[in-house]
Protein backbone atom coordinates (compact mmCIF):
# COMPACT_ATOMS: atom_id res chain seq x y z
CA MET A 1 -4.45 -13.99 -2.07
CA ARG A 2 -2.70 -13.90 1.31
CA ILE A 3 0.11 -11.37 1.25
CA ILE A 4 2.71 -10.48 3.89
CA VAL A 5 4.44 -7.10 3.64
CA LEU A 6 7.62 -6.53 5.63
CA GLY A 7 7.89 -2.82 6.45
CA ALA A 8 5.23 -0.25 7.31
CA GLY A 9 7.08 2.79 5.98
CA HIS A 10 6.14 4.81 2.91
CA VAL A 11 6.73 1.93 0.48
CA GLY A 12 4.88 -0.57 2.64
CA ARG A 13 1.96 1.84 3.05
CA ALA A 14 1.70 2.36 -0.72
CA ILE A 15 1.67 -1.40 -1.24
CA VAL A 16 -1.06 -1.86 1.37
CA ASP A 17 -3.13 0.98 -0.09
CA ALA A 18 -3.08 -0.67 -3.52
CA LEU A 19 -3.75 -4.26 -2.39
CA TYR A 20 -5.76 -4.42 0.83
CA GLU A 21 -9.23 -4.30 -0.75
CA GLU A 22 -8.66 -7.39 -2.90
CA HIS A 23 -6.36 -9.45 -0.68
CA GLU A 24 -5.72 -10.56 2.90
CA VAL A 25 -2.74 -8.44 3.88
CA THR A 26 -0.51 -8.80 6.96
CA VAL A 27 2.15 -6.18 7.75
CA ILE A 28 5.27 -6.79 9.88
CA ASP A 29 7.23 -3.94 11.46
CA THR A 30 9.13 -3.16 14.66
CA ASP A 31 7.41 0.23 14.98
CA ALA A 32 4.12 -0.13 16.89
CA GLU A 33 2.98 3.40 16.02
CA ARG A 34 3.38 2.82 12.29
CA LEU A 35 1.45 -0.43 12.53
CA GLN A 36 -1.35 1.21 14.48
CA ASP A 37 -1.64 3.94 11.85
CA LEU A 38 -2.03 1.27 9.16
CA ALA A 39 -4.53 -0.75 11.17
CA ASP A 40 -6.64 2.37 11.81
CA ARG A 41 -6.80 3.21 8.12
CA TYR A 42 -6.87 -0.18 6.39
CA ASP A 43 -8.44 -3.58 6.99
CA VAL A 44 -5.13 -5.37 7.53
CA ARG A 45 -3.57 -7.58 10.16
CA THR A 46 -0.37 -6.33 11.83
CA VAL A 47 2.46 -8.12 13.59
CA GLU A 48 4.94 -6.17 15.71
CA GLY A 49 8.41 -7.65 15.74
CA ASN A 50 11.65 -8.34 13.93
CA GLY A 51 10.86 -9.80 10.51
CA THR A 52 14.26 -11.46 10.30
CA THR A 53 13.29 -13.99 13.00
CA LYS A 54 11.50 -17.28 12.43
CA ARG A 55 9.07 -16.62 15.30
CA VAL A 56 7.75 -13.37 13.84
CA ILE A 57 7.58 -14.73 10.28
CA LYS A 58 5.56 -17.70 11.50
CA GLU A 59 3.29 -15.48 13.60
CA ALA A 60 2.51 -13.51 10.44
CA GLY A 61 1.23 -16.73 8.85
CA VAL A 62 3.99 -17.47 6.37
CA GLN A 63 2.91 -21.10 6.05
CA ASN A 64 -0.29 -20.01 4.25
CA CYS A 65 1.17 -17.01 2.44
CA SER A 66 1.08 -16.71 -1.36
CA LEU A 67 3.21 -13.58 -1.73
CA PHE A 68 5.88 -12.08 0.55
CA ILE A 69 7.11 -8.55 -0.19
CA ALA A 70 10.18 -7.38 1.74
CA SER A 71 9.93 -3.60 1.38
CA THR A 72 11.96 -2.04 4.21
CA SER A 73 14.78 0.41 3.52
CA ARG A 74 17.24 -2.05 5.13
CA GLU A 75 18.20 -4.44 2.36
CA GLU A 76 20.05 -6.86 4.64
CA ALA A 77 16.88 -7.30 6.70
CA ASN A 78 14.92 -7.80 3.50
CA LEU A 79 17.30 -10.51 2.32
CA VAL A 80 17.40 -12.37 5.65
CA SER A 81 13.61 -12.40 5.93
CA ALA A 82 13.31 -13.47 2.29
CA MET A 83 15.61 -16.44 2.82
CA LEU A 84 13.59 -17.50 5.86
CA VAL A 85 10.35 -17.31 3.91
CA LYS A 86 11.82 -19.40 1.08
CA LYS A 87 12.69 -22.09 3.65
CA LEU A 88 9.35 -21.99 5.47
CA SER A 89 6.84 -21.67 2.62
CA ARG A 90 6.09 -21.86 -1.08
CA ALA A 91 5.28 -18.17 -1.31
CA MET A 92 6.55 -15.98 -4.14
CA VAL A 93 9.23 -13.76 -2.58
CA VAL A 94 9.90 -10.22 -3.84
CA VAL A 95 12.69 -8.11 -2.34
CA ARG A 96 13.34 -4.38 -2.44
CA THR A 97 17.03 -3.49 -2.63
CA THR A 98 19.02 -0.28 -2.74
CA SER A 99 22.02 -2.03 -4.27
CA VAL A 100 22.64 -2.59 -7.98
CA GLU A 101 25.29 -5.11 -6.90
CA TYR A 102 22.67 -7.24 -5.14
CA LEU A 103 20.46 -6.94 -8.20
CA ASP A 104 23.27 -8.20 -10.42
CA ALA A 105 23.89 -11.11 -8.01
CA TRP A 106 20.20 -12.04 -8.17
CA ARG A 107 20.24 -11.93 -11.97
CA GLU A 108 23.20 -14.33 -11.89
CA ARG A 109 21.13 -16.60 -9.57
CA GLU A 110 23.46 -16.11 -6.63
CA ILE A 111 20.55 -14.89 -4.44
CA ASP A 112 17.59 -17.26 -4.13
CA VAL A 113 14.50 -15.03 -4.31
CA ASP A 114 11.85 -14.85 -7.03
CA PHE A 115 12.20 -11.16 -7.85
CA MET A 116 14.47 -8.33 -6.76
CA VAL A 117 13.81 -4.67 -7.53
CA SER A 118 16.29 -1.81 -7.17
CA SER A 119 14.90 1.58 -6.15
CA GLU A 120 18.00 3.29 -7.57
CA LEU A 121 17.72 1.62 -10.96
CA GLU A 122 13.96 2.18 -11.21
CA THR A 123 14.43 5.86 -10.35
CA ALA A 124 17.27 6.20 -12.85
CA ASN A 125 15.10 4.69 -15.58
CA ALA A 126 12.27 7.08 -14.69
CA ILE A 127 14.64 10.06 -15.00
CA SER A 128 16.03 8.72 -18.26
CA GLY A 129 12.49 8.63 -19.66
CA LEU A 130 11.86 12.22 -18.57
CA ILE A 131 15.00 13.55 -20.21
CA GLY A 132 13.59 12.87 -23.69
CA ILE A 133 10.24 14.57 -22.86
CA PRO A 134 11.22 17.94 -21.34
CA ALA A 135 7.64 19.23 -21.00
CA ALA A 136 6.43 16.14 -19.11
CA ARG A 137 5.42 16.16 -15.48
CA GLN A 138 5.78 12.39 -15.31
CA THR A 139 6.51 9.63 -17.81
CA ASP A 140 6.86 5.87 -17.88
CA VAL A 141 7.76 3.35 -20.57
CA PHE A 142 5.68 0.25 -21.26
CA ALA A 143 5.79 -2.71 -23.66
CA ASP A 144 9.58 -2.88 -23.87
CA GLY A 145 9.87 0.78 -24.81
CA GLN A 146 7.24 0.73 -27.57
CA VAL A 147 4.62 2.66 -25.59
CA GLN A 148 5.15 5.74 -23.45
CA ILE A 149 2.82 7.13 -20.78
CA VAL A 150 3.20 10.89 -20.40
CA GLU A 151 1.54 13.32 -18.00
CA PHE A 152 1.53 17.03 -18.91
CA ASP A 153 0.43 20.20 -17.17
CA VAL A 154 -1.08 22.22 -20.03
CA PRO A 155 0.36 25.77 -20.16
CA ALA A 156 -1.68 28.78 -21.25
CA SER A 157 0.41 29.05 -24.42
CA ALA A 158 -0.04 25.41 -25.49
CA ALA A 159 -1.40 24.44 -28.87
CA LEU A 160 -4.39 22.08 -29.18
CA THR A 161 -6.46 23.94 -26.58
CA PHE A 162 -10.16 24.87 -26.92
CA THR A 163 -10.60 22.46 -29.85
CA PRO A 164 -12.75 19.29 -29.65
CA LEU A 165 -10.43 16.28 -29.70
CA ARG A 166 -12.08 14.89 -32.83
CA GLU A 167 -11.11 18.10 -34.70
CA ALA A 168 -7.70 18.74 -33.10
CA GLU A 169 -4.54 17.88 -35.01
CA LEU A 170 -3.20 15.43 -32.46
CA PRO A 171 0.13 13.64 -32.97
CA ALA A 172 -0.34 10.30 -34.74
CA ASP A 173 0.09 7.06 -32.76
CA SER A 174 -1.23 8.60 -29.56
CA LYS A 175 -4.36 8.76 -27.47
CA VAL A 176 -5.51 11.12 -24.73
CA ALA A 177 -6.31 8.79 -21.83
CA ALA A 178 -7.53 11.38 -19.33
CA ILE A 179 -8.18 15.07 -18.82
CA LEU A 180 -7.91 16.21 -15.21
CA ARG A 181 -9.46 19.61 -14.49
CA GLY A 182 -8.98 20.40 -10.82
CA ASP A 183 -10.37 17.39 -8.95
CA GLN A 184 -12.59 16.43 -11.88
CA LEU A 185 -11.80 13.54 -14.24
CA LEU A 186 -13.17 14.23 -17.74
CA ARG A 187 -13.77 11.45 -20.22
CA PRO A 188 -11.66 12.25 -23.32
CA ASP A 189 -14.29 11.57 -25.99
CA GLY A 190 -14.43 13.40 -29.31
CA ASN A 191 -16.31 16.35 -27.84
CA ALA A 192 -13.87 16.97 -25.00
CA GLU A 193 -11.51 19.95 -25.13
CA ILE A 194 -8.09 20.42 -23.58
CA ARG A 195 -7.87 23.73 -21.75
CA PRO A 196 -5.00 25.72 -20.23
CA HIS A 197 -4.05 24.51 -16.74
CA ASP A 198 -5.58 21.06 -17.34
CA ARG A 199 -3.47 18.03 -16.57
CA ILE A 200 -3.61 15.39 -19.30
CA VAL A 201 -2.42 11.80 -19.55
CA VAL A 202 -1.31 10.66 -23.00
CA ILE A 203 -0.52 7.11 -24.15
CA ALA A 204 1.71 7.26 -27.23
CA SER A 205 4.62 5.92 -29.20
CA PRO A 206 7.97 7.42 -28.12
CA SER A 207 8.09 9.68 -31.20
CA ALA A 208 4.50 10.83 -30.63
CA ALA A 209 5.29 11.51 -26.97
CA ARG A 210 8.08 13.84 -28.09
CA ALA A 211 5.64 15.54 -30.50
CA TRP A 212 3.21 16.08 -27.61
CA SER A 213 6.06 17.58 -25.60
CA ARG A 214 6.77 20.06 -28.41
CA ALA A 215 3.07 20.93 -28.58
CA MET A 216 3.06 21.65 -24.85
CA SER A 217 6.19 23.80 -24.97
CA ALA A 218 7.91 25.33 -27.98
CA ASP A 219 10.99 26.19 -25.89
CA GLN A 220 12.81 22.87 -26.01
CA GLU A 221 16.23 21.68 -26.97
CA ARG A 222 18.02 18.36 -27.01
CA VAL A 223 19.16 17.31 -23.53
CA ASP A 224 22.69 16.01 -23.91
CA ASP A 225 24.54 17.67 -21.01
CA ILE A 226 23.38 17.03 -17.43
CA VAL A 227 24.75 18.04 -14.05
CA VAL A 228 24.08 15.58 -11.23
CA PHE A 229 24.27 17.06 -7.73
CA GLY A 230 25.17 14.35 -5.22
CA ALA A 231 27.40 11.39 -6.01
CA GLY A 232 25.89 8.89 -3.61
CA ARG A 233 24.52 5.54 -4.67
CA MET A 234 21.41 7.09 -6.21
CA GLY A 235 23.31 9.80 -8.09
CA THR A 236 25.87 7.40 -9.55
CA THR A 237 23.19 4.92 -10.67
CA ILE A 238 21.34 7.74 -12.43
CA ALA A 239 24.59 8.82 -14.07
CA ARG A 240 25.40 5.30 -15.32
CA VAL A 241 22.01 5.00 -17.01
CA LEU A 242 22.35 8.43 -18.64
CA LEU A 243 25.93 7.79 -19.73
CA ASP A 244 24.72 4.63 -21.49
CA ARG A 245 22.39 6.92 -23.49
CA GLY A 246 25.36 8.98 -24.66
CA ILE A 247 24.60 11.96 -22.41
CA ARG A 248 27.50 13.96 -20.99
CA ILE A 249 27.54 13.99 -17.19
CA ARG A 250 29.07 16.38 -14.69
CA PHE A 251 28.98 15.56 -10.97
CA VAL A 252 28.97 18.05 -8.10
CA GLU A 253 29.94 16.35 -4.83
CA GLY A 254 30.70 18.09 -1.54
CA ARG A 255 32.73 15.27 0.01
CA ALA A 256 36.32 15.24 -1.26
CA GLU A 257 36.89 11.52 -0.68
CA ARG A 258 33.68 10.55 -2.44
CA ALA A 259 34.44 12.86 -5.36
CA LEU A 260 37.76 11.05 -5.89
CA GLU A 261 36.05 7.64 -5.70
CA VAL A 262 33.45 8.57 -8.31
CA ALA A 263 36.07 10.08 -10.61
CA ALA A 264 37.82 6.69 -10.58
CA GLU A 265 34.58 4.68 -10.95
CA LEU A 266 33.16 6.78 -13.80
CA PRO A 267 36.03 8.18 -15.87
CA GLN A 268 33.54 9.22 -18.60
CA ALA A 269 32.07 11.83 -16.23
CA ARG A 270 33.62 15.06 -14.98
CA VAL A 271 33.56 15.30 -11.19
CA PHE A 272 33.75 18.56 -9.22
CA HIS A 273 34.45 18.69 -5.51
CA ALA A 274 32.21 21.64 -4.69
CA SER A 275 29.16 22.70 -2.71
CA ALA A 276 25.74 22.38 -4.34
CA PHE A 277 24.86 25.69 -2.66
CA ASP A 278 27.77 27.84 -3.88
CA PRO A 279 26.61 30.53 -6.36
CA GLU A 280 30.21 31.38 -7.22
CA PHE A 281 30.81 27.79 -8.35
CA PHE A 282 27.63 27.91 -10.46
CA ALA A 283 28.83 31.08 -12.16
CA ARG A 284 32.46 29.97 -12.58
CA GLU A 285 31.59 26.61 -14.17
CA ARG A 286 28.66 28.06 -16.15
CA ILE A 287 26.23 25.56 -14.69
CA GLY A 288 23.40 27.65 -16.14
CA ASN A 289 24.44 26.63 -19.67
CA THR A 290 23.56 23.00 -19.05
CA THR A 291 20.20 21.86 -20.38
CA ALA A 292 19.19 19.86 -17.29
CA ALA A 293 20.22 19.17 -13.72
CA VAL A 294 19.36 16.29 -11.39
CA PHE A 295 19.42 16.89 -7.62
CA ALA A 296 20.17 13.65 -5.76
CA LEU A 297 21.33 14.98 -2.41
CA ASN A 298 20.30 13.10 0.72
CA ASP A 299 18.05 15.85 2.11
CA ASP A 300 15.02 17.48 0.54
CA PRO A 301 15.70 21.07 1.71
CA GLY A 302 19.15 20.83 0.11
CA ASN A 303 17.70 19.53 -3.16
CA LEU A 304 15.15 22.35 -3.23
CA PHE A 305 17.67 25.11 -2.48
CA SER A 306 20.14 23.83 -5.03
CA ALA A 307 17.44 23.45 -7.69
CA VAL A 308 16.18 27.00 -7.16
CA LEU A 309 19.77 28.26 -7.34
CA ALA A 310 20.25 26.37 -10.61
CA LYS A 311 17.07 27.92 -11.99
CA GLU A 312 18.35 31.38 -11.06
CA HIS A 313 21.53 30.67 -13.04
CA GLY A 314 19.62 29.57 -16.15
CA VAL A 315 19.20 25.77 -15.96
CA LYS A 316 16.04 25.04 -17.96
CA LEU A 317 15.05 21.59 -16.65
CA THR A 318 15.43 20.71 -12.97
CA ILE A 319 14.66 17.20 -11.67
CA ALA A 320 14.82 16.75 -7.90
CA LEU A 321 14.46 13.65 -5.74
CA ALA A 322 11.95 13.98 -2.90
CA HIS A 323 12.71 11.55 -0.09
CA ASP A 324 9.58 12.63 1.79
CA GLN A 325 6.20 12.54 0.03
CA SER A 326 5.23 15.87 1.59
CA SER A 327 8.14 17.55 -0.21
CA LEU A 328 6.55 17.07 -3.64
CA GLN A 329 4.16 20.02 -3.33
CA VAL A 330 6.87 22.20 -1.76
CA TYR A 331 9.15 21.45 -4.72
CA GLU A 332 6.39 22.35 -7.16
CA ARG A 333 5.70 25.67 -5.42
CA GLY A 334 9.43 26.37 -5.33
CA GLY A 335 9.70 26.09 -9.11
CA VAL A 336 11.24 22.62 -9.49
CA ASP A 337 10.18 21.28 -12.89
CA VAL A 338 9.95 17.59 -11.98
CA ALA A 339 9.94 15.94 -8.56
CA ILE A 340 10.42 12.19 -8.17
CA ASN A 341 9.92 10.20 -4.99
CA PRO A 342 12.11 7.07 -5.25
CA ARG A 343 9.97 5.29 -2.67
CA GLN A 344 6.89 5.82 -4.79
CA VAL A 345 8.72 4.56 -7.88
CA ILE A 346 9.72 1.33 -6.14
CA ALA A 347 6.26 0.92 -4.61
CA GLU A 348 4.72 0.96 -8.09
CA GLU A 349 7.01 -1.84 -9.18
CA LEU A 350 6.34 -3.95 -6.08
CA VAL A 351 2.56 -3.49 -6.19
CA ARG A 352 2.20 -5.30 -9.51
CA PHE A 353 3.10 -8.64 -7.91
CA GLY A 354 -0.13 -8.50 -5.93
CA HIS A 355 -2.26 -7.99 -9.02
CA ASP A 356 -3.46 -10.46 -11.63
CA PRO A 357 -0.47 -12.53 -12.88
CA ARG A 358 -1.23 -11.30 -16.41
CA ILE A 359 -0.14 -7.79 -15.41
CA ARG A 360 3.39 -7.16 -16.62
CA GLN A 361 3.71 -3.59 -15.42
CA ILE A 362 1.85 -0.97 -13.43
CA ALA A 363 2.27 2.78 -12.92
CA MET A 364 0.44 5.01 -10.47
CA LEU A 365 -0.50 8.63 -11.13
CA ASP A 366 -1.86 11.61 -9.21
CA ASP A 367 -0.93 10.37 -5.73
CA ASP A 368 -2.15 6.81 -6.53
CA ARG A 369 -5.59 7.99 -7.67
CA PHE A 370 -5.10 6.41 -11.12
CA GLU A 371 -3.24 3.40 -12.49
CA ILE A 372 -1.84 2.37 -15.85
CA LEU A 373 -2.05 -1.40 -16.29
CA ASP A 374 -0.25 -3.58 -18.84
CA LEU A 375 -2.12 -6.88 -19.11
CA THR A 376 -3.16 -9.50 -21.65
CA VAL A 377 -6.78 -10.08 -22.70
CA ARG A 378 -8.01 -13.58 -21.78
CA ALA A 379 -9.52 -15.85 -24.44
CA GLU A 380 -12.72 -16.04 -22.35
CA SER A 381 -12.96 -12.27 -21.81
CA GLU A 382 -16.47 -11.00 -22.49
CA LEU A 383 -14.97 -8.01 -24.31
CA ALA A 384 -12.84 -9.99 -26.78
CA GLY A 385 -14.17 -9.45 -30.31
CA THR A 386 -15.73 -6.07 -29.45
CA ARG A 387 -15.15 -2.90 -31.48
CA PHE A 388 -13.50 -0.17 -29.43
CA GLU A 389 -16.42 2.11 -30.23
CA ASP A 390 -18.74 -0.40 -28.56
CA LEU A 391 -16.69 -1.06 -25.41
CA PRO A 392 -18.60 -0.19 -22.20
CA LYS A 393 -17.99 3.32 -20.87
CA THR A 394 -16.45 2.42 -17.52
CA GLY A 395 -14.12 5.36 -17.00
CA SER A 396 -11.13 3.33 -18.15
CA VAL A 397 -9.34 3.91 -21.46
CA ILE A 398 -7.35 1.40 -23.51
CA GLY A 399 -4.72 3.70 -24.94
CA ALA A 400 -2.65 1.13 -26.79
CA ILE A 401 -2.52 -2.55 -27.65
CA VAL A 402 0.46 -4.70 -28.58
CA ARG A 403 -0.43 -7.35 -31.16
CA GLY A 404 2.13 -9.56 -32.85
CA GLY A 405 4.89 -7.61 -31.12
CA SER A 406 3.84 -4.27 -32.63
CA PRO A 407 1.98 -1.41 -30.92
CA ILE A 408 -1.40 -0.18 -32.17
CA PHE A 409 -3.11 2.99 -30.96
CA PRO A 410 -6.72 1.94 -31.60
CA GLY A 411 -9.55 3.94 -33.11
CA GLY A 412 -13.25 3.28 -32.79
CA ASP A 413 -13.38 0.74 -35.63
CA ASP A 414 -10.53 -1.41 -34.31
CA VAL A 415 -11.52 -4.68 -32.59
CA LEU A 416 -10.20 -5.92 -29.25
CA LYS A 417 -8.89 -9.49 -29.60
CA ALA A 418 -8.05 -12.27 -27.17
CA GLY A 419 -4.29 -12.31 -26.59
CA ASP A 420 -3.93 -8.56 -27.11
CA ARG A 421 -1.59 -6.91 -24.65
CA VAL A 422 -3.44 -3.76 -23.58
CA ILE A 423 -2.20 -0.58 -21.89
CA VAL A 424 -5.13 0.70 -19.82
CA PHE A 425 -5.71 3.92 -17.88
CA VAL A 426 -8.11 3.38 -14.97
CA GLU A 427 -9.10 4.84 -11.63
CA SER A 428 -7.34 2.81 -8.92
CA ARG A 429 -10.62 1.90 -7.25
CA ARG A 430 -11.82 0.33 -10.53
CA ALA A 431 -8.59 -1.52 -11.39
CA SER A 432 -9.85 -4.89 -10.09
CA ILE A 433 -12.98 -4.58 -12.29
CA VAL A 434 -10.83 -4.03 -15.37
CA GLU A 435 -8.72 -7.05 -14.47
CA ARG A 436 -11.82 -9.23 -14.18
CA VAL A 437 -13.53 -8.21 -17.42
CA LEU A 438 -10.36 -8.42 -19.51
């Protein structure tokens, strides 16, 4: 497939990294240094210039393009380039937006592109999934909410350790998809053991995912009261999603005018005009009594400082947005419980359009080292009709299947069937092999 990616920033780079080996990729950007960095690392063609102009779009080869992904942080540029591509080619056009309003307009067919994805909404949904699994490092929902992917760091006090998986009392309707021990990936067969400080990936039903969370940490309570620091576009989108789940929301916003605007927009939430760095405010409003806090400020140092301050005052679960990928490790060392990079979240959603059309969803784990794929087994697949016990040992794991609209967490005697919708854990470098054989 010939793919054009507009934007060579973090999102564009993640898209290229996932797609360049299987496709002919061209990247457009105005920044020559960014393009050179991509060209040095990947086998891709680059075009320097303004992607909102017909000349540059044509130079990139839009006439022969199958997929155009507009992934810059400037949504107006994305939309202008997308409209040009729709006029000049038959390519599928996918647009990244930072505006829920644009997303609503697209859903109402007022914007003529094939797909539009909101980084704010995708991040809000990711946080919403985490709220129900307090012990999780990362989580994602597949198959219309019927299957949950959960990544845990195993604490020293966790149950289920030092017991072969075939003998361990694992939560029903779940499967261990991977055990990561340092840089080593261990195949989770019946003889494998989970050990303290391992990182594990579990594919489970939502109720089983919560059971795994309790097994990883006994110190949990229902999250129904959340403080959101930062009432910008990202913070308010997160709040709307959580409010729809019946969770009480308090905002902390340092700009007086914005605090008033949000109070009018979201009357269900309490809004405080205060600094996210004021320990007296934390003490006065008993911020430490809340079960979770989300830090959606516009700068990473501010998110880190505020999260550490919240921890000092007793907040049990801290979720901080990392606008720079390099901040993720700093957050972890600083004691932040969960760090989310919105650019990585949106990149995962955009990448799936460059994969096999059968793939409905994709998630990337461990700095893109692994992928979770949601795809349907072809009638002509060589593996259709095979018992799970007899499937080839390729390093991938089918953690769940959806058959007749219902999820199944297969055992060795279950049989893979054509038409099954499978949720597969696989190393990213082997993802194309899995697509071909299924």
